[in-house]
Structure formats: C-alpha cells, structure tokens
Amino acid sequence: MSQVQPDDKPAAFRGLIITALALFVMCFAIVKLTNAKFASHKAEGAAPAAEKH
C-alpha cells in the first residue's frame, strides 16, 4: 500500500505569496525607473486634429 504523503499546502501558499510580492516589486521598480528616465522630457503640445473630408 502507498503511504500518506505530508501536506505541502503551507509551502505552496508561501511560495505563491513570495512570488506575487516579487512580481509586484519588479513591476513597481520598472515603472519607477521608466518614469525617472522620461521625467526630463518636455511634453509637446496636443496632436493636430484630424481633417474632416
């Protein structure tokens, strides 16, 4: 007969939480670095309106 395996739910849940936090931190860092890079760019005026035919 097969033996009962130990429950791995706590470890799986911990891994899920750690992975979600790591993804959030990476995305947040990418956004902050991108904003810092383009902060010095001057905003141009509005795009020209499309002509009606």
PDB file of N, CA and C in Angstrom:
ATOM      1  N   MET A   1       0.827  -1.183   0.000  1.00  0.00           N
ATOM      2  CA  MET A   1       0.000   0.000   0.000  1.00  0.00           C
ATOM      3  C   MET A   1       0.874   1.251   0.000  1.00  0.00           C
ATOM      4  N   SER A   2       0.317   2.313  -0.530  1.00  0.00           N
ATOM      5  CA  SER A   2       1.069   3.568  -0.564  1.00  0.00           C
ATOM      6  C   SER A   2       0.944   4.288   0.769  1.00  0.00           C
ATOM      7  N   GLN A   3       1.974   5.038   1.080  1.00  0.00           N
ATOM      8  CA  GLN A   3       1.979   5.782   2.331  1.00  0.00           C
ATOM      9  C   GLN A   3       1.355   7.157   2.115  1.00  0.00           C
ATOM     10  N   VAL A   4       0.803   7.694   3.159  1.00  0.00           N
ATOM     11  CA  VAL A   4       0.208   9.025   3.098  1.00  0.00           C
ATOM     12  C   VAL A   4       1.341  10.050   3.030  1.00  0.00           C
ATOM     13  N   GLN A   5       1.266  10.952   2.056  1.00  0.00           N
ATOM     14  CA  GLN A   5       2.293  11.971   1.871  1.00  0.00           C
ATOM     15  C   GLN A   5       1.994  13.173   2.768  1.00  0.00           C
ATOM     16  N   PRO A   6       3.032  13.847   3.238  1.00  0.00           N
ATOM     17  CA  PRO A   6       2.797  15.042   4.069  1.00  0.00           C
ATOM     18  C   PRO A   6       2.143  16.148   3.239  1.00  0.00           C
ATOM     19  N   ASP A   7       1.433  17.003   3.916  1.00  0.00           N
ATOM     20  CA  ASP A   7       0.708  18.087   3.252  1.00  0.00           C
ATOM     21  C   ASP A   7       1.671  19.215   2.881  1.00  0.00           C
ATOM     22  N   ASP A   8       1.660  19.647   1.628  1.00  0.00           N
ATOM     23  CA  ASP A   8       2.548  20.710   1.159  1.00  0.00           C
ATOM     24  C   ASP A   8       1.817  22.030   0.935  1.00  0.00           C
ATOM     25  N   LYS A   9       0.596  22.141   1.408  1.00  0.00           N
ATOM     26  CA  LYS A   9      -0.163  23.370   1.173  1.00  0.00           C
ATOM     27  C   LYS A   9       0.487  24.610   1.792  1.00  0.00           C
ATOM     28  N   PRO A  10       1.000  24.550   3.003  1.00  0.00           N
ATOM     29  CA  PRO A  10       1.642  25.758   3.561  1.00  0.00           C
ATOM     30  C   PRO A  10       2.835  26.224   2.733  1.00  0.00           C
ATOM     31  N   ALA A  11       3.644  25.292   2.273  1.00  0.00           N
ATOM     32  CA  ALA A  11       4.805  25.666   1.462  1.00  0.00           C
ATOM     33  C   ALA A  11       4.360  26.236   0.121  1.00  0.00           C
ATOM     34  N   ALA A  12       3.333  25.665  -0.474  1.00  0.00           N
ATOM     35  CA  ALA A  12       2.832  26.162  -1.754  1.00  0.00           C
ATOM     36  C   ALA A  12       2.242  27.562  -1.589  1.00  0.00           C
ATOM     37  N   PHE A  13       1.504  27.783  -0.523  1.00  0.00           N
ATOM     38  CA  PHE A  13       0.916  29.098  -0.278  1.00  0.00           C
ATOM     39  C   PHE A  13       2.006  30.134  -0.023  1.00  0.00           C
ATOM     40  N   ARG A  14       3.034  29.754   0.730  1.00  0.00           N
ATOM     41  CA  ARG A  14       4.154  30.657   0.988  1.00  0.00           C
ATOM     42  C   ARG A  14       4.851  31.023  -0.325  1.00  0.00           C
ATOM     43  N   GLY A  15       5.047  30.035  -1.186  1.00  0.00           N
ATOM     44  CA  GLY A  15       5.661  30.297  -2.485  1.00  0.00           C
ATOM     45  C   GLY A  15       4.811  31.218  -3.338  1.00  0.00           C
ATOM     46  N   LEU A  16       3.499  31.042  -3.292  1.00  0.00           N
ATOM     47  CA  LEU A  16       2.585  31.899  -4.044  1.00  0.00           C
ATOM     48  C   LEU A  16       2.688  33.347  -3.573  1.00  0.00           C
ATOM     49  N   ILE A  17       2.689  33.546  -2.274  1.00  0.00           N
ATOM     50  CA  ILE A  17       2.766  34.898  -1.714  1.00  0.00           C
ATOM     51  C   ILE A  17       4.107  35.546  -2.049  1.00  0.00           C
ATOM     52  N   ILE A  18       5.191  34.801  -1.884  1.00  0.00           N
ATOM     53  CA  ILE A  18       6.522  35.357  -2.169  1.00  0.00           C
ATOM     54  C   ILE A  18       6.652  35.714  -3.643  1.00  0.00           C
ATOM     55  N   THR A  19       6.137  34.854  -4.519  1.00  0.00           N
ATOM     56  CA  THR A  19       6.203  35.130  -5.958  1.00  0.00           C
ATOM     57  C   THR A  19       5.371  36.353  -6.321  1.00  0.00           C
ATOM     58  N   ALA A  20       4.180  36.480  -5.742  1.00  0.00           N
ATOM     59  CA  ALA A  20       3.337  37.643  -6.019  1.00  0.00           C
ATOM     60  C   ALA A  20       4.027  38.928  -5.561  1.00  0.00           C
ATOM     61  N   LEU A  21       4.647  38.894  -4.393  1.00  0.00           N
ATOM     62  CA  LEU A  21       5.362  40.075  -3.905  1.00  0.00           C
ATOM     63  C   LEU A  21       6.564  40.406  -4.788  1.00  0.00           C
ATOM     64  N   ALA A  22       7.286  39.378  -5.223  1.00  0.00           N
ATOM     65  CA  ALA A  22       8.448  39.611  -6.086  1.00  0.00           C
ATOM     66  C   ALA A  22       8.021  40.234  -7.413  1.00  0.00           C
ATOM     67  N   LEU A  23       6.932  39.747  -7.998  1.00  0.00           N
ATOM     68  CA  LEU A  23       6.438  40.315  -9.255  1.00  0.00           C
ATOM     69  C   LEU A  23       6.002  41.766  -9.065  1.00  0.00           C
ATOM     70  N   PHE A  24       5.328  42.049  -7.955  1.00  0.00           N
ATOM     71  CA  PHE A  24       4.898  43.418  -7.684  1.00  0.00           C
ATOM     72  C   PHE A  24       6.100  44.346  -7.549  1.00  0.00           C
ATOM     73  N   VAL A  25       7.120  43.914  -6.818  1.00  0.00           N
ATOM     74  CA  VAL A  25       8.315  44.744  -6.623  1.00  0.00           C
ATOM     75  C   VAL A  25       9.019  44.985  -7.950  1.00  0.00           C
ATOM     76  N   MET A  26       9.133  43.950  -8.785  1.00  0.00           N
ATOM     77  CA  MET A  26       9.796  44.119 -10.084  1.00  0.00           C
ATOM     78  C   MET A  26       9.022  45.082 -10.979  1.00  0.00           C
ATOM     79  N   CYS A  27       7.700  44.936 -11.035  1.00  0.00           N
ATOM     80  CA  CYS A  27       6.890  45.840 -11.861  1.00  0.00           C
ATOM     81  C   CYS A  27       6.969  47.271 -11.336  1.00  0.00           C
ATOM     82  N   PHE A  28       6.910  47.440 -10.035  1.00  0.00           N
ATOM     83  CA  PHE A  28       7.000  48.770  -9.434  1.00  0.00           C
ATOM     84  C   PHE A  28       8.344  49.415  -9.757  1.00  0.00           C
ATOM     85  N   ALA A  29       9.414  48.639  -9.671  1.00  0.00           N
ATOM     86  CA  ALA A  29      10.750  49.165  -9.973  1.00  0.00           C
ATOM     87  C   ALA A  29      10.862  49.557 -11.436  1.00  0.00           C
ATOM     88  N   ILE A  30      10.312  48.754 -12.333  1.00  0.00           N
ATOM     89  CA  ILE A  30      10.358  49.072 -13.764  1.00  0.00           C
ATOM     90  C   ILE A  30       9.622  50.378 -14.041  1.00  0.00           C
ATOM     91  N   VAL A  31       8.455  50.547 -13.443  1.00  0.00           N
ATOM     92  CA  VAL A  31       7.674  51.770 -13.651  1.00  0.00           C
ATOM     93  C   VAL A  31       8.420  52.982 -13.099  1.00  0.00           C
ATOM     94  N   LYS A  32       8.985  52.864 -11.892  1.00  0.00           N
ATOM     95  CA  LYS A  32       9.714  53.989 -11.305  1.00  0.00           C
ATOM     96  C   LYS A  32      10.941  54.352 -12.135  1.00  0.00           C
ATOM     97  N   LEU A  33      11.696  53.355 -12.607  1.00  0.00           N
ATOM     98  CA  LEU A  33      12.880  53.632 -13.417  1.00  0.00           C
ATOM     99  C   LEU A  33      12.505  54.255 -14.756  1.00  0.00           C
ATOM    100  N   THR A  34      11.421  53.775 -15.359  1.00  0.00           N
ATOM    101  CA  THR A  34      10.973  54.334 -16.634  1.00  0.00           C
ATOM    102  C   THR A  34      10.511  55.772 -16.456  1.00  0.00           C
ATOM    103  N   ASN A  35       9.754  56.037 -15.403  1.00  0.00           N
ATOM    104  CA  ASN A  35       9.304  57.408 -15.138  1.00  0.00           C
ATOM    105  C   ASN A  35      10.482  58.333 -14.879  1.00  0.00           C
ATOM    106  N   ALA A  36      11.485  57.853 -14.172  1.00  0.00           N
ATOM    107  CA  ALA A  36      12.662  58.676 -13.897  1.00  0.00           C
ATOM    108  C   ALA A  36      13.420  58.985 -15.183  1.00  0.00           C
ATOM    109  N   LYS A  37      13.480  58.025 -16.089  1.00  0.00           N
ATOM    110  CA  LYS A  37      14.199  58.237 -17.345  1.00  0.00           C
ATOM    111  C   LYS A  37      13.507  59.295 -18.202  1.00  0.00           C
ATOM    112  N   PHE A  38      12.176  59.268 -18.250  1.00  0.00           N
ATOM    113  CA  PHE A  38      11.441  60.179 -19.118  1.00  0.00           C
ATOM    114  C   PHE A  38      10.963  61.442 -18.401  1.00  0.00           C
ATOM    115  N   ALA A  39      11.324  61.648 -17.157  1.00  0.00           N
ATOM    116  CA  ALA A  39      10.888  62.830 -16.410  1.00  0.00           C
ATOM    117  C   ALA A  39      11.469  64.108 -17.000  1.00  0.00           C
ATOM    118  N   SER A  40      12.645  64.024 -17.597  1.00  0.00           N
ATOM    119  CA  SER A  40      13.279  65.225 -18.132  1.00  0.00           C
ATOM    120  C   SER A  40      12.789  65.583 -19.533  1.00  0.00           C
ATOM    121  N   HIS A  41      12.006  64.715 -20.149  1.00  0.00           N
ATOM    122  CA  HIS A  41      11.492  65.005 -21.491  1.00  0.00           C
ATOM    123  C   HIS A  41      10.401  66.060 -21.399  1.00  0.00           C
ATOM    124  N   LYS A  42      10.458  67.020 -22.297  1.00  0.00           N
ATOM    125  CA  LYS A  42       9.461  68.076 -22.306  1.00  0.00           C
ATOM    126  C   LYS A  42       8.215  67.580 -23.042  1.00  0.00           C
ATOM    127  N   ALA A  43       7.065  67.838 -22.466  1.00  0.00           N
ATOM    128  CA  ALA A  43       5.815  67.433 -23.100  1.00  0.00           C
ATOM    129  C   ALA A  43       5.531  68.345 -24.283  1.00  0.00           C
ATOM    130  N   GLU A  44       5.172  67.752 -25.391  1.00  0.00           N
ATOM    131  CA  GLU A  44       4.836  68.536 -26.579  1.00  0.00           C
ATOM    132  C   GLU A  44       3.366  68.923 -26.527  1.00  0.00           C
ATOM    133  N   GLY A  45       2.971  69.816 -27.431  1.00  0.00           N
ATOM    134  CA  GLY A  45       1.585  70.249 -27.494  1.00  0.00           C
ATOM    135  C   GLY A  45       0.673  69.113 -27.932  1.00  0.00           C
ATOM    136  N   ALA A  46      -0.593  69.406 -27.979  1.00  0.00           N
ATOM    137  CA  ALA A  46      -1.575  68.399 -28.371  1.00  0.00           C
ATOM    138  C   ALA A  46      -1.364  67.995 -29.825  1.00  0.00           C
ATOM    139  N   ALA A  47      -1.759  66.804 -30.144  1.00  0.00           N
ATOM    140  CA  ALA A  47      -1.637  66.308 -31.514  1.00  0.00           C
ATOM    141  C   ALA A  47      -2.583  67.102 -32.408  1.00  0.00           C
ATOM    142  N   PRO A  48      -2.207  67.329 -33.660  1.00  0.00           N
ATOM    143  CA  PRO A  48      -3.100  68.077 -34.553  1.00  0.00           C
ATOM    144  C   PRO A  48      -4.402  67.313 -34.793  1.00  0.00           C
ATOM    145  N   ALA A  49      -5.468  68.080 -34.905  1.00  0.00           N
ATOM    146  CA  ALA A  49      -6.775  67.461 -35.122  1.00  0.00           C
ATOM    147  C   ALA A  49      -6.842  66.852 -36.515  1.00  0.00           C
ATOM    148  N   ALA A  50      -7.568  65.765 -36.622  1.00  0.00           N
ATOM    149  CA  ALA A  50      -7.720  65.105 -37.922  1.00  0.00           C
ATOM    150  C   ALA A  50      -8.631  65.946 -38.813  1.00  0.00           C
ATOM    151  N   GLU A  51      -8.315  65.983 -40.088  1.00  0.00           N
ATOM    152  CA  GLU A  51      -9.128  66.754 -41.028  1.00  0.00           C
ATOM    153  C   GLU A  51     -10.382  65.975 -41.397  1.00  0.00           C
ATOM    154  N   LYS A  52     -11.486  66.698 -41.525  1.00  0.00           N
ATOM    155  CA  LYS A  52     -12.733  66.060 -41.954  1.00  0.00           C
ATOM    156  C   LYS A  52     -12.825  66.145 -43.459  1.00  0.00           C
ATOM    157  N   HIS A  53     -13.229  65.084 -44.078  1.00  0.00           N
ATOM    158  CA  HIS A  53     -13.359  65.055 -45.545  1.00  0.00           C
ATOM    159  C   HIS A  53     -14.791  65.185 -45.953  1.00  0.00           C
TER     160      HIS A  53
END
